[in-house]
């Protein structure tokens, strides 16, 4: 799985300039020596909840490599469902997979999405040798349906920005997440790390505040505003749209382990899982309301 994720990350960082910008600044300041020193808290994918696609299909890749499906989340306003997946070993990132419940959209939006996704008449993951690194790596970058028209994209954008993102970007990696609590002091606190990010020109998603805090106060999350990409639609029209972004997470030590020595702290001693209210606002890193601030 490590090789697959490394290949996935190479394409992602080449398309998201903020990734290298942040890493280089962290290296310049001596936080890390290289990209490999940064602990990846989790990666996230967006999918369409339709036959042969969605979570039920996509999760097979990770389940085959020892990941375990964990908590379920529902996002009523955004019409999304999601699960997170626990990795088989602590050196691998958690995985968060969401899907759009298209039956909750208007009939016109459903028709547009179906026009593209209905061409997928079998589960594409079932055709993969999930132990073949090259095949799985290639799958993440392979379009599963045709490029949309600009008109279809903009109709979807007006109703569900999530659907517009997926219809063009497909199942491309949505974000990776820097584990802030694993950085040296004082940047192991999200408040300090956010100030560092802003000092190097990284714009933060401020929906719900720059720092989204779980109800128990033990999970804090921030994210950059998505880098924009020039999209070429099926008719040849060009439009700047949201690409992917970077997230930042601070997981506090659980109360029962608060007196542990820092050198003995492991992943199991910190707040696990996710928080729906945090994730709901993190989704908006690709939304027009953030891109046009």
C-alpha atoms as a PDB file:
ATOM      1  CA  UNK A   1       0.000   0.000   0.000  1.00  0.00           C
ATOM      2  CA  UNK A   2       2.898   2.362   0.690  1.00  0.00           C
ATOM      3  CA  UNK A   3       4.009   2.280  -2.956  1.00  0.00           C
ATOM      4  CA  UNK A   4       0.473   2.953  -4.171  1.00  0.00           C
ATOM      5  CA  UNK A   5       0.094   5.932  -1.844  1.00  0.00           C
ATOM      6  CA  UNK A   6       3.516   7.282  -2.806  1.00  0.00           C
ATOM      7  CA  UNK A   7       2.550   7.200  -6.487  1.00  0.00           C
ATOM      8  CA  UNK A   8      -0.760   8.861  -5.694  1.00  0.00           C
ATOM      9  CA  UNK A   9       0.996  11.607  -3.764  1.00  0.00           C
ATOM     10  CA  UNK A  10       3.477  12.367  -6.558  1.00  0.00           C
ATOM     11  CA  UNK A  11       0.669  13.267  -8.959  1.00  0.00           C
ATOM     12  CA  UNK A  12      -1.225  15.161  -6.268  1.00  0.00           C
ATOM     13  CA  UNK A  13       1.720  17.370  -5.271  1.00  0.00           C
ATOM     14  CA  UNK A  14       2.491  18.141  -8.913  1.00  0.00           C
ATOM     15  CA  UNK A  15      -1.052  19.481  -9.363  1.00  0.00           C
ATOM     16  CA  UNK A  16      -1.373  21.305  -6.036  1.00  0.00           C
ATOM     17  CA  UNK A  17       1.332  24.016  -5.786  1.00  0.00           C
ATOM     18  CA  UNK A  18       0.603  24.663  -2.108  1.00  0.00           C
ATOM     19  CA  UNK A  19       1.917  21.206  -1.202  1.00  0.00           C
ATOM     20  CA  UNK A  20       5.479  21.939  -2.288  1.00  0.00           C
ATOM     21  CA  UNK A  21       5.249  25.544  -1.115  1.00  0.00           C
ATOM     22  CA  UNK A  22       4.375  24.450   2.420  1.00  0.00           C
ATOM     23  CA  UNK A  23       6.923  21.631   2.498  1.00  0.00           C
ATOM     24  CA  UNK A  24       9.727  23.887   1.257  1.00  0.00           C
ATOM     25  CA  UNK A  25       8.895  26.539   3.855  1.00  0.00           C
ATOM     26  CA  UNK A  26       8.873  23.893   6.602  1.00  0.00           C
ATOM     27  CA  UNK A  27      12.281  22.681   5.423  1.00  0.00           C
ATOM     28  CA  UNK A  28      13.612  26.239   5.343  1.00  0.00           C
ATOM     29  CA  UNK A  29      12.516  26.730   8.944  1.00  0.00           C
ATOM     30  CA  UNK A  30      13.968  23.389  10.040  1.00  0.00           C
ATOM     31  CA  UNK A  31      10.639  21.769  10.991  1.00  0.00           C
ATOM     32  CA  UNK A  32      11.447  18.829   8.716  1.00  0.00           C
ATOM     33  CA  UNK A  33      14.288  17.692   6.489  1.00  0.00           C
ATOM     34  CA  UNK A  34      12.120  16.450   3.628  1.00  0.00           C
ATOM     35  CA  UNK A  35       8.573  15.494   2.622  1.00  0.00           C
ATOM     36  CA  UNK A  36       9.022  12.042   4.172  1.00  0.00           C
ATOM     37  CA  UNK A  37       9.435  13.628   7.614  1.00  0.00           C
ATOM     38  CA  UNK A  38       5.864  14.965   7.483  1.00  0.00           C
ATOM     39  CA  UNK A  39       3.367  12.594   9.068  1.00  0.00           C
ATOM     40  CA  UNK A  40       0.267  12.234   6.877  1.00  0.00           C
ATOM     41  CA  UNK A  41      -2.753  12.155   9.205  1.00  0.00           C
ATOM     42  CA  UNK A  42      -5.248  11.161   6.506  1.00  0.00           C
ATOM     43  CA  UNK A  43      -6.128  11.374   2.838  1.00  0.00           C
ATOM     44  CA  UNK A  44      -9.604  11.992   1.444  1.00  0.00           C
ATOM     45  CA  UNK A  45     -11.552  11.125  -1.679  1.00  0.00           C
ATOM     46  CA  UNK A  46     -14.903  12.283  -3.071  1.00  0.00           C
ATOM     47  CA  UNK A  47     -17.203   9.953  -5.002  1.00  0.00           C
ATOM     48  CA  UNK A  48     -20.623   9.780  -6.628  1.00  0.00           C
ATOM     49  CA  UNK A  49     -23.166   7.585  -4.848  1.00  0.00           C
ATOM     50  CA  UNK A  50     -24.410   5.712  -7.907  1.00  0.00           C
ATOM     51  CA  UNK A  51     -24.400   2.083  -9.075  1.00  0.00           C
ATOM     52  CA  UNK A  52     -20.882   0.685  -9.652  1.00  0.00           C
ATOM     53  CA  UNK A  53     -19.250   3.746  -8.102  1.00  0.00           C
ATOM     54  CA  UNK A  54     -19.312   5.475  -4.735  1.00  0.00           C
ATOM     55  CA  UNK A  55     -18.023   4.239  -1.407  1.00  0.00           C
ATOM     56  CA  UNK A  56     -19.064   0.619  -1.943  1.00  0.00           C
ATOM     57  CA  UNK A  57     -16.768   0.388  -4.944  1.00  0.00           C
ATOM     58  CA  UNK A  58     -13.916   2.658  -3.917  1.00  0.00           C
ATOM     59  CA  UNK A  59     -13.396   1.236  -0.426  1.00  0.00           C
ATOM     60  CA  UNK A  60     -12.484  -2.167  -1.887  1.00  0.00           C
ATOM     61  CA  UNK A  61      -9.035  -0.819  -2.734  1.00  0.00           C
ATOM     62  CA  UNK A  62      -8.278  -0.037   0.885  1.00  0.00           C
ATOM     63  CA  UNK A  63     -10.074  -2.991   2.457  1.00  0.00           C
ATOM     64  CA  UNK A  64      -7.948  -5.287   0.295  1.00  0.00           C
ATOM     65  CA  UNK A  65      -4.842  -3.776   1.853  1.00  0.00           C
ATOM     66  CA  UNK A  66      -5.872  -4.213   5.461  1.00  0.00           C
ATOM     67  CA  UNK A  67      -7.794  -1.017   6.143  1.00  0.00           C
ATOM     68  CA  UNK A  68     -10.897  -1.331   8.363  1.00  0.00           C
ATOM     69  CA  UNK A  69     -14.129   0.600   7.859  1.00  0.00           C
ATOM     70  CA  UNK A  70     -14.873   2.667  10.943  1.00  0.00           C
ATOM     71  CA  UNK A  71     -17.459   5.376  11.753  1.00  0.00           C
ATOM     72  CA  UNK A  72     -20.259   6.536   9.463  1.00  0.00           C
ATOM     73  CA  UNK A  73     -21.053  10.238   8.947  1.00  0.00           C
ATOM     74  CA  UNK A  74     -23.949  12.003   7.249  1.00  0.00           C
ATOM     75  CA  UNK A  75     -23.920  15.612   6.069  1.00  0.00           C
ATOM     76  CA  UNK A  76     -27.532  16.657   5.637  1.00  0.00           C
ATOM     77  CA  UNK A  77     -27.097  20.068   4.003  1.00  0.00           C
ATOM     78  CA  UNK A  78     -24.425  18.886   1.584  1.00  0.00           C
ATOM     79  CA  UNK A  79     -26.290  15.605   0.900  1.00  0.00           C
ATOM     80  CA  UNK A  80     -23.253  13.444   1.619  1.00  0.00           C
ATOM     81  CA  UNK A  81     -22.428  10.206   3.405  1.00  0.00           C
ATOM     82  CA  UNK A  82     -18.930   9.204   4.484  1.00  0.00           C
ATOM     83  CA  UNK A  83     -16.846   6.631   6.335  1.00  0.00           C
ATOM     84  CA  UNK A  84     -13.327   6.736   7.639  1.00  0.00           C
ATOM     85  CA  UNK A  85     -10.942   3.805   7.448  1.00  0.00           C
ATOM     86  CA  UNK A  86      -8.284   2.782   9.939  1.00  0.00           C
ATOM     87  CA  UNK A  87      -4.945   1.666   8.464  1.00  0.00           C
ATOM     88  CA  UNK A  88      -3.374  -1.716   9.238  1.00  0.00           C
ATOM     89  CA  UNK A  89      -0.179  -0.054  10.524  1.00  0.00           C
ATOM     90  CA  UNK A  90       0.575   3.324  12.082  1.00  0.00           C
ATOM     91  CA  UNK A  91       2.927   4.366   9.292  1.00  0.00           C
ATOM     92  CA  UNK A  92      -0.027   4.613   6.881  1.00  0.00           C
ATOM     93  CA  UNK A  93      -2.543   7.465   6.820  1.00  0.00           C
ATOM     94  CA  UNK A  94      -6.193   7.152   7.743  1.00  0.00           C
ATOM     95  CA  UNK A  95      -8.584   7.314   4.774  1.00  0.00           C
ATOM     96  CA  UNK A  96     -11.805   9.357   4.542  1.00  0.00           C
ATOM     97  CA  UNK A  97     -14.199   8.537   1.686  1.00  0.00           C
ATOM     98  CA  UNK A  98     -17.363  10.529   1.052  1.00  0.00           C
ATOM     99  CA  UNK A  99     -20.108  10.128  -1.545  1.00  0.00           C
ATOM    100  CA  UNK A 100     -22.831  12.348  -2.909  1.00  0.00           C
ATOM    101  CA  UNK A 101     -26.372  11.020  -2.442  1.00  0.00           C
ATOM    102  CA  UNK A 102     -27.560  12.052  -5.888  1.00  0.00           C
ATOM    103  CA  UNK A 103     -31.134  10.901  -5.255  1.00  0.00           C
ATOM    104  CA  UNK A 104     -31.414  13.873  -2.878  1.00  0.00           C
ATOM    105  CA  UNK A 105     -30.634  16.346  -5.684  1.00  0.00           C
ATOM    106  CA  UNK A 106     -33.098  17.880  -8.118  1.00  0.00           C
ATOM    107  CA  UNK A 107     -34.229  15.757 -11.060  1.00  0.00           C
ATOM    108  CA  UNK A 108     -32.300  17.980 -13.463  1.00  0.00           C
ATOM    109  CA  UNK A 109     -29.056  17.578 -11.507  1.00  0.00           C
ATOM    110  CA  UNK A 110     -29.614  13.821 -11.259  1.00  0.00           C
ATOM    111  CA  UNK A 111     -30.082  13.648 -15.027  1.00  0.00           C
ATOM    112  CA  UNK A 112     -26.826  15.490 -15.686  1.00  0.00           C
ATOM    113  CA  UNK A 113     -24.822  13.260 -13.342  1.00  0.00           C
ATOM    114  CA  UNK A 114     -26.431  10.092 -14.710  1.00  0.00           C
ATOM    115  CA  UNK A 115     -25.605  11.140 -18.276  1.00  0.00           C
ATOM    116  CA  UNK A 116     -21.931  10.724 -17.388  1.00  0.00           C
ATOM    117  CA  UNK A 117     -21.882   8.021 -14.717  1.00  0.00           C
ATOM    118  CA  UNK A 118     -24.337   5.700 -16.495  1.00  0.00           C
ATOM    119  CA  UNK A 119     -21.549   4.855 -18.946  1.00  0.00           C
ATOM    120  CA  UNK A 120     -19.925   2.919 -16.067  1.00  0.00           C
ATOM    121  CA  UNK A 121     -21.962  -0.292 -16.261  1.00  0.00           C
ATOM    122  CA  UNK A 122     -19.712  -2.505 -14.123  1.00  0.00           C
ATOM    123  CA  UNK A 123     -17.711  -1.829 -10.976  1.00  0.00           C
ATOM    124  CA  UNK A 124     -14.285  -0.713 -12.293  1.00  0.00           C
ATOM    125  CA  UNK A 125     -12.508  -1.791  -9.102  1.00  0.00           C
ATOM    126  CA  UNK A 126     -13.620  -5.389  -9.695  1.00  0.00           C
ATOM    127  CA  UNK A 127     -11.498  -5.380 -12.848  1.00  0.00           C
ATOM    128  CA  UNK A 128      -8.334  -4.414 -10.973  1.00  0.00           C
ATOM    129  CA  UNK A 129      -5.636  -6.662  -9.587  1.00  0.00           C
ATOM    130  CA  UNK A 130      -5.562  -4.884  -6.234  1.00  0.00           C
ATOM    131  CA  UNK A 131      -2.089  -6.242  -5.498  1.00  0.00           C
ATOM    132  CA  UNK A 132      -0.683  -4.714  -8.668  1.00  0.00           C
ATOM    133  CA  UNK A 133       0.893  -1.414  -7.612  1.00  0.00           C
ATOM    134  CA  UNK A 134       1.051  -0.003 -11.140  1.00  0.00           C
ATOM    135  CA  UNK A 135      -2.552  -0.926 -11.957  1.00  0.00           C
ATOM    136  CA  UNK A 136      -4.006   0.550  -8.769  1.00  0.00           C
ATOM    137  CA  UNK A 137      -1.845   3.671  -9.016  1.00  0.00           C
ATOM    138  CA  UNK A 138      -3.007   4.181 -12.591  1.00  0.00           C
ATOM    139  CA  UNK A 139      -6.653   3.715 -11.576  1.00  0.00           C
ATOM    140  CA  UNK A 140      -6.545   6.775  -9.331  1.00  0.00           C
ATOM    141  CA  UNK A 141      -5.665   8.894 -12.366  1.00  0.00           C
ATOM    142  CA  UNK A 142      -7.954   7.183 -14.901  1.00  0.00           C
ATOM    143  CA  UNK A 143     -11.140   9.044 -15.939  1.00  0.00           C
ATOM    144  CA  UNK A 144     -14.195   6.878 -15.313  1.00  0.00           C
ATOM    145  CA  UNK A 145     -16.526   8.990 -17.458  1.00  0.00           C
ATOM    146  CA  UNK A 146     -16.237  11.624 -20.169  1.00  0.00           C
ATOM    147  CA  UNK A 147     -15.262  15.239 -19.600  1.00  0.00           C
ATOM    148  CA  UNK A 148     -18.408  17.291 -18.862  1.00  0.00           C
ATOM    149  CA  UNK A 149     -19.593  20.283 -20.820  1.00  0.00           C
ATOM    150  CA  UNK A 150     -19.067  23.679 -19.242  1.00  0.00           C
ATOM    151  CA  UNK A 151     -22.844  24.157 -19.155  1.00  0.00           C
ATOM    152  CA  UNK A 152     -23.406  20.917 -17.230  1.00  0.00           C
ATOM    153  CA  UNK A 153     -20.606  21.788 -14.819  1.00  0.00           C
ATOM    154  CA  UNK A 154     -22.080  25.196 -14.051  1.00  0.00           C
ATOM    155  CA  UNK A 155     -25.600  23.826 -13.557  1.00  0.00           C
ATOM    156  CA  UNK A 156     -24.243  21.363 -11.007  1.00  0.00           C
ATOM    157  CA  UNK A 157     -22.117  24.061  -9.391  1.00  0.00           C
ATOM    158  CA  UNK A 158     -25.230  26.129  -8.718  1.00  0.00           C
ATOM    159  CA  UNK A 159     -26.880  23.273  -6.803  1.00  0.00           C
ATOM    160  CA  UNK A 160     -24.083  21.147  -5.342  1.00  0.00           C
ATOM    161  CA  UNK A 161     -20.496  22.351  -5.483  1.00  0.00           C
ATOM    162  CA  UNK A 162     -19.375  18.900  -4.371  1.00  0.00           C
ATOM    163  CA  UNK A 163     -21.039  17.329  -7.431  1.00  0.00           C
ATOM    164  CA  UNK A 164     -19.396  19.851  -9.763  1.00  0.00           C
ATOM    165  CA  UNK A 165     -15.981  19.105  -8.239  1.00  0.00           C
ATOM    166  CA  UNK A 166     -16.389  15.349  -8.723  1.00  0.00           C
ATOM    167  CA  UNK A 167     -17.918  15.503 -12.212  1.00  0.00           C
ATOM    168  CA  UNK A 168     -14.773  17.234 -13.500  1.00  0.00           C
ATOM    169  CA  UNK A 169     -11.999  16.013 -11.155  1.00  0.00           C
ATOM    170  CA  UNK A 170     -13.436  12.491 -10.833  1.00  0.00           C
ATOM    171  CA  UNK A 171     -11.809  10.405  -8.094  1.00  0.00           C
ATOM    172  CA  UNK A 172      -8.624  12.427  -7.939  1.00  0.00           C
ATOM    173  CA  UNK A 173      -7.102  12.826  -4.440  1.00  0.00           C
ATOM    174  CA  UNK A 174      -8.998  15.637  -2.707  1.00  0.00           C
ATOM    175  CA  UNK A 175      -6.421  16.355   0.016  1.00  0.00           C
ATOM    176  CA  UNK A 176      -3.708  15.047   2.260  1.00  0.00           C
ATOM    177  CA  UNK A 177      -3.282  16.180   5.849  1.00  0.00           C
ATOM    178  CA  UNK A 178      -0.242  17.367   7.777  1.00  0.00           C
ATOM    179  CA  UNK A 179      -0.169  15.953  11.298  1.00  0.00           C
ATOM    180  CA  UNK A 180       0.603  19.145  13.188  1.00  0.00           C
ATOM    181  CA  UNK A 181       1.010  17.540  16.632  1.00  0.00           C
ATOM    182  CA  UNK A 182       4.003  15.591  15.281  1.00  0.00           C
ATOM    183  CA  UNK A 183       5.924  18.795  14.478  1.00  0.00           C
ATOM    184  CA  UNK A 184       8.460  20.443  16.806  1.00  0.00           C
ATOM    185  CA  UNK A 185       7.294  23.042  19.321  1.00  0.00           C
ATOM    186  CA  UNK A 186       5.747  25.576  19.072  1.00  0.00           C
ATOM    187  CA  UNK A 187       4.420  24.546  15.656  1.00  0.00           C
ATOM    188  CA  UNK A 188       2.858  21.387  17.072  1.00  0.00           C
ATOM    189  CA  UNK A 189      -0.118  23.583  18.002  1.00  0.00           C
ATOM    190  CA  UNK A 190      -2.515  24.453  15.212  1.00  0.00           C
ATOM    191  CA  UNK A 191      -2.792  28.089  16.279  1.00  0.00           C
ATOM    192  CA  UNK A 192       0.969  28.583  15.810  1.00  0.00           C
ATOM    193  CA  UNK A 193       1.128  26.527  12.637  1.00  0.00           C
ATOM    194  CA  UNK A 194      -1.692  28.525  11.068  1.00  0.00           C
ATOM    195  CA  UNK A 195       0.209  31.748  11.725  1.00  0.00           C
ATOM    196  CA  UNK A 196       3.219  30.203   9.995  1.00  0.00           C
ATOM    197  CA  UNK A 197       1.036  29.225   7.023  1.00  0.00           C
ATOM    198  CA  UNK A 198      -0.358  32.722   6.692  1.00  0.00           C
ATOM    199  CA  UNK A 199       3.150  34.191   6.915  1.00  0.00           C
ATOM    200  CA  UNK A 200       4.122  32.283   3.750  1.00  0.00           C
ATOM    201  CA  UNK A 201       0.974  33.338   1.900  1.00  0.00           C
ATOM    202  CA  UNK A 202      -1.271  30.305   2.384  1.00  0.00           C
ATOM    203  CA  UNK A 203      -4.931  31.319   2.477  1.00  0.00           C
ATOM    204  CA  UNK A 204      -7.013  29.359   4.968  1.00  0.00           C
ATOM    205  CA  UNK A 205     -10.597  28.179   4.738  1.00  0.00           C
ATOM    206  CA  UNK A 206     -12.442  30.326   7.291  1.00  0.00           C
ATOM    207  CA  UNK A 207     -15.843  28.604   7.103  1.00  0.00           C
ATOM    208  CA  UNK A 208     -16.710  27.936  10.734  1.00  0.00           C
ATOM    209  CA  UNK A 209     -13.513  29.725  11.733  1.00  0.00           C
ATOM    210  CA  UNK A 210      -9.971  29.028  10.615  1.00  0.00           C
ATOM    211  CA  UNK A 211      -9.749  26.268  13.247  1.00  0.00           C
ATOM    212  CA  UNK A 212     -12.575  23.757  13.391  1.00  0.00           C
ATOM    213  CA  UNK A 213     -12.795  22.153  16.858  1.00  0.00           C
ATOM    214  CA  UNK A 214     -14.538  18.901  17.788  1.00  0.00           C
ATOM    215  CA  UNK A 215     -17.114  18.858  20.561  1.00  0.00           C
ATOM    216  CA  UNK A 216     -14.667  17.183  22.939  1.00  0.00           C
ATOM    217  CA  UNK A 217     -12.005  19.772  22.083  1.00  0.00           C
ATOM    218  CA  UNK A 218      -9.471  17.060  21.217  1.00  0.00           C
ATOM    219  CA  UNK A 219      -9.452  17.354  17.419  1.00  0.00           C
ATOM    220  CA  UNK A 220      -8.582  20.621  15.715  1.00  0.00           C
ATOM    221  CA  UNK A 221      -8.520  20.980  11.930  1.00  0.00           C
ATOM    222  CA  UNK A 222      -7.723  23.695   9.403  1.00  0.00           C
ATOM    223  CA  UNK A 223      -7.310  23.643   5.639  1.00  0.00           C
ATOM    224  CA  UNK A 224      -5.965  25.743   2.826  1.00  0.00           C
ATOM    225  CA  UNK A 225      -8.276  27.114   0.179  1.00  0.00           C
ATOM    226  CA  UNK A 226      -8.063  24.843  -2.864  1.00  0.00           C
ATOM    227  CA  UNK A 227      -5.541  25.654  -5.542  1.00  0.00           C
ATOM    228  CA  UNK A 228      -7.390  26.561  -8.719  1.00  0.00           C
ATOM    229  CA  UNK A 229      -6.806  24.790 -12.023  1.00  0.00           C
ATOM    230  CA  UNK A 230      -7.674  25.667 -15.591  1.00  0.00           C
ATOM    231  CA  UNK A 231     -10.302  23.184 -16.735  1.00  0.00           C
ATOM    232  CA  UNK A 232     -10.906  22.400 -20.391  1.00  0.00           C
ATOM    233  CA  UNK A 233     -14.447  21.198 -20.946  1.00  0.00           C
ATOM    234  CA  UNK A 234     -15.710  18.867 -23.669  1.00  0.00           C
ATOM    235  CA  UNK A 235     -16.589  21.707 -26.021  1.00  0.00           C
ATOM    236  CA  UNK A 236     -13.108  23.176 -25.640  1.00  0.00           C
ATOM    237  CA  UNK A 237     -14.204  26.005 -23.320  1.00  0.00           C
ATOM    238  CA  UNK A 238     -11.840  26.958 -20.522  1.00  0.00           C
ATOM    239  CA  UNK A 239     -12.780  27.882 -16.975  1.00  0.00           C
ATOM    240  CA  UNK A 240     -10.850  28.220 -13.742  1.00  0.00           C
ATOM    241  CA  UNK A 241     -12.210  25.773 -11.168  1.00  0.00           C
ATOM    242  CA  UNK A 242     -11.299  24.404  -7.737  1.00  0.00           C
ATOM    243  CA  UNK A 243      -8.648  21.730  -7.600  1.00  0.00           C
ATOM    244  CA  UNK A 244      -7.362  20.108  -4.416  1.00  0.00           C
ATOM    245  CA  UNK A 245      -6.033  21.466  -1.139  1.00  0.00           C
ATOM    246  CA  UNK A 246      -4.031  20.670   2.008  1.00  0.00           C
ATOM    247  CA  UNK A 247      -5.456  19.998   5.455  1.00  0.00           C
ATOM    248  CA  UNK A 248      -3.812  20.352   8.869  1.00  0.00           C
ATOM    249  CA  UNK A 249      -4.846  18.351  11.948  1.00  0.00           C
ATOM    250  CA  UNK A 250      -3.931  18.444  15.616  1.00  0.00           C
ATOM    251  CA  UNK A 251      -4.985  15.411  17.655  1.00  0.00           C
ATOM    252  CA  UNK A 252      -4.677  15.929  21.395  1.00  0.00           C
ATOM    253  CA  UNK A 253      -3.582  13.272  23.858  1.00  0.00           C
ATOM    254  CA  UNK A 254      -6.528  11.465  25.437  1.00  0.00           C
ATOM    255  CA  UNK A 255      -7.122  12.401  29.103  1.00  0.00           C
ATOM    256  CA  UNK A 256      -6.119   8.962  30.384  1.00  0.00           C
ATOM    257  CA  UNK A 257      -2.682   9.297  28.777  1.00  0.00           C
ATOM    258  CA  UNK A 258      -2.011  12.936  29.589  1.00  0.00           C
ATOM    259  CA  UNK A 259       0.856  12.072  31.960  1.00  0.00           C
ATOM    260  CA  UNK A 260       2.680   9.872  29.454  1.00  0.00           C
ATOM    261  CA  UNK A 261       6.143  11.002  28.411  1.00  0.00           C
ATOM    262  CA  UNK A 262       6.093  12.620  24.987  1.00  0.00           C
ATOM    263  CA  UNK A 263       8.645  10.116  23.739  1.00  0.00           C
ATOM    264  CA  UNK A 264       6.254   7.250  24.514  1.00  0.00           C
ATOM    265  CA  UNK A 265       3.145   8.736  22.901  1.00  0.00           C
ATOM    266  CA  UNK A 266       1.784   6.797  19.928  1.00  0.00           C
ATOM    267  CA  UNK A 267      -1.201   7.190  17.628  1.00  0.00           C
ATOM    268  CA  UNK A 268      -3.403   5.088  19.934  1.00  0.00           C
ATOM    269  CA  UNK A 269      -2.851   7.582  22.765  1.00  0.00           C
ATOM    270  CA  UNK A 270      -4.385  10.469  20.821  1.00  0.00           C
ATOM    271  CA  UNK A 271      -7.907  11.417  19.776  1.00  0.00           C
ATOM    272  CA  UNK A 272      -8.961   9.117  16.956  1.00  0.00           C
ATOM    273  CA  UNK A 273     -11.570   9.349  14.229  1.00  0.00           C
ATOM    274  CA  UNK A 274     -13.242  12.449  12.835  1.00  0.00           C
ATOM    275  CA  UNK A 275     -15.942  14.981  13.673  1.00  0.00           C
ATOM    276  CA  UNK A 276     -18.853  15.611  11.307  1.00  0.00           C
ATOM    277  CA  UNK A 277     -19.124  19.305  12.172  1.00  0.00           C
ATOM    278  CA  UNK A 278     -15.424  19.816  11.393  1.00  0.00           C
ATOM    279  CA  UNK A 279     -15.552  17.856   8.142  1.00  0.00           C
ATOM    280  CA  UNK A 280     -18.670  19.716   7.030  1.00  0.00           C
ATOM    281  CA  UNK A 281     -16.699  22.967   6.958  1.00  0.00           C
ATOM    282  CA  UNK A 282     -13.513  21.410   5.577  1.00  0.00           C
ATOM    283  CA  UNK A 283     -15.490  20.328   2.488  1.00  0.00           C
ATOM    284  CA  UNK A 284     -15.934  24.030   1.701  1.00  0.00           C
ATOM    285  CA  UNK A 285     -12.225  24.421   0.907  1.00  0.00           C
ATOM    286  CA  UNK A 286     -13.224  23.883  -2.735  1.00  0.00           C
ATOM    287  CA  UNK A 287     -16.359  26.052  -2.617  1.00  0.00           C
ATOM    288  CA  UNK A 288     -16.807  29.330  -4.475  1.00  0.00           C
ATOM    289  CA  UNK A 289     -17.443  31.153  -1.187  1.00  0.00           C
ATOM    290  CA  UNK A 290     -13.825  30.467  -0.217  1.00  0.00           C
ATOM    291  CA  UNK A 291     -12.196  30.800  -3.636  1.00  0.00           C
ATOM    292  CA  UNK A 292     -13.613  34.291  -4.211  1.00  0.00           C
ATOM    293  CA  UNK A 293     -12.789  35.845  -0.848  1.00  0.00           C
END
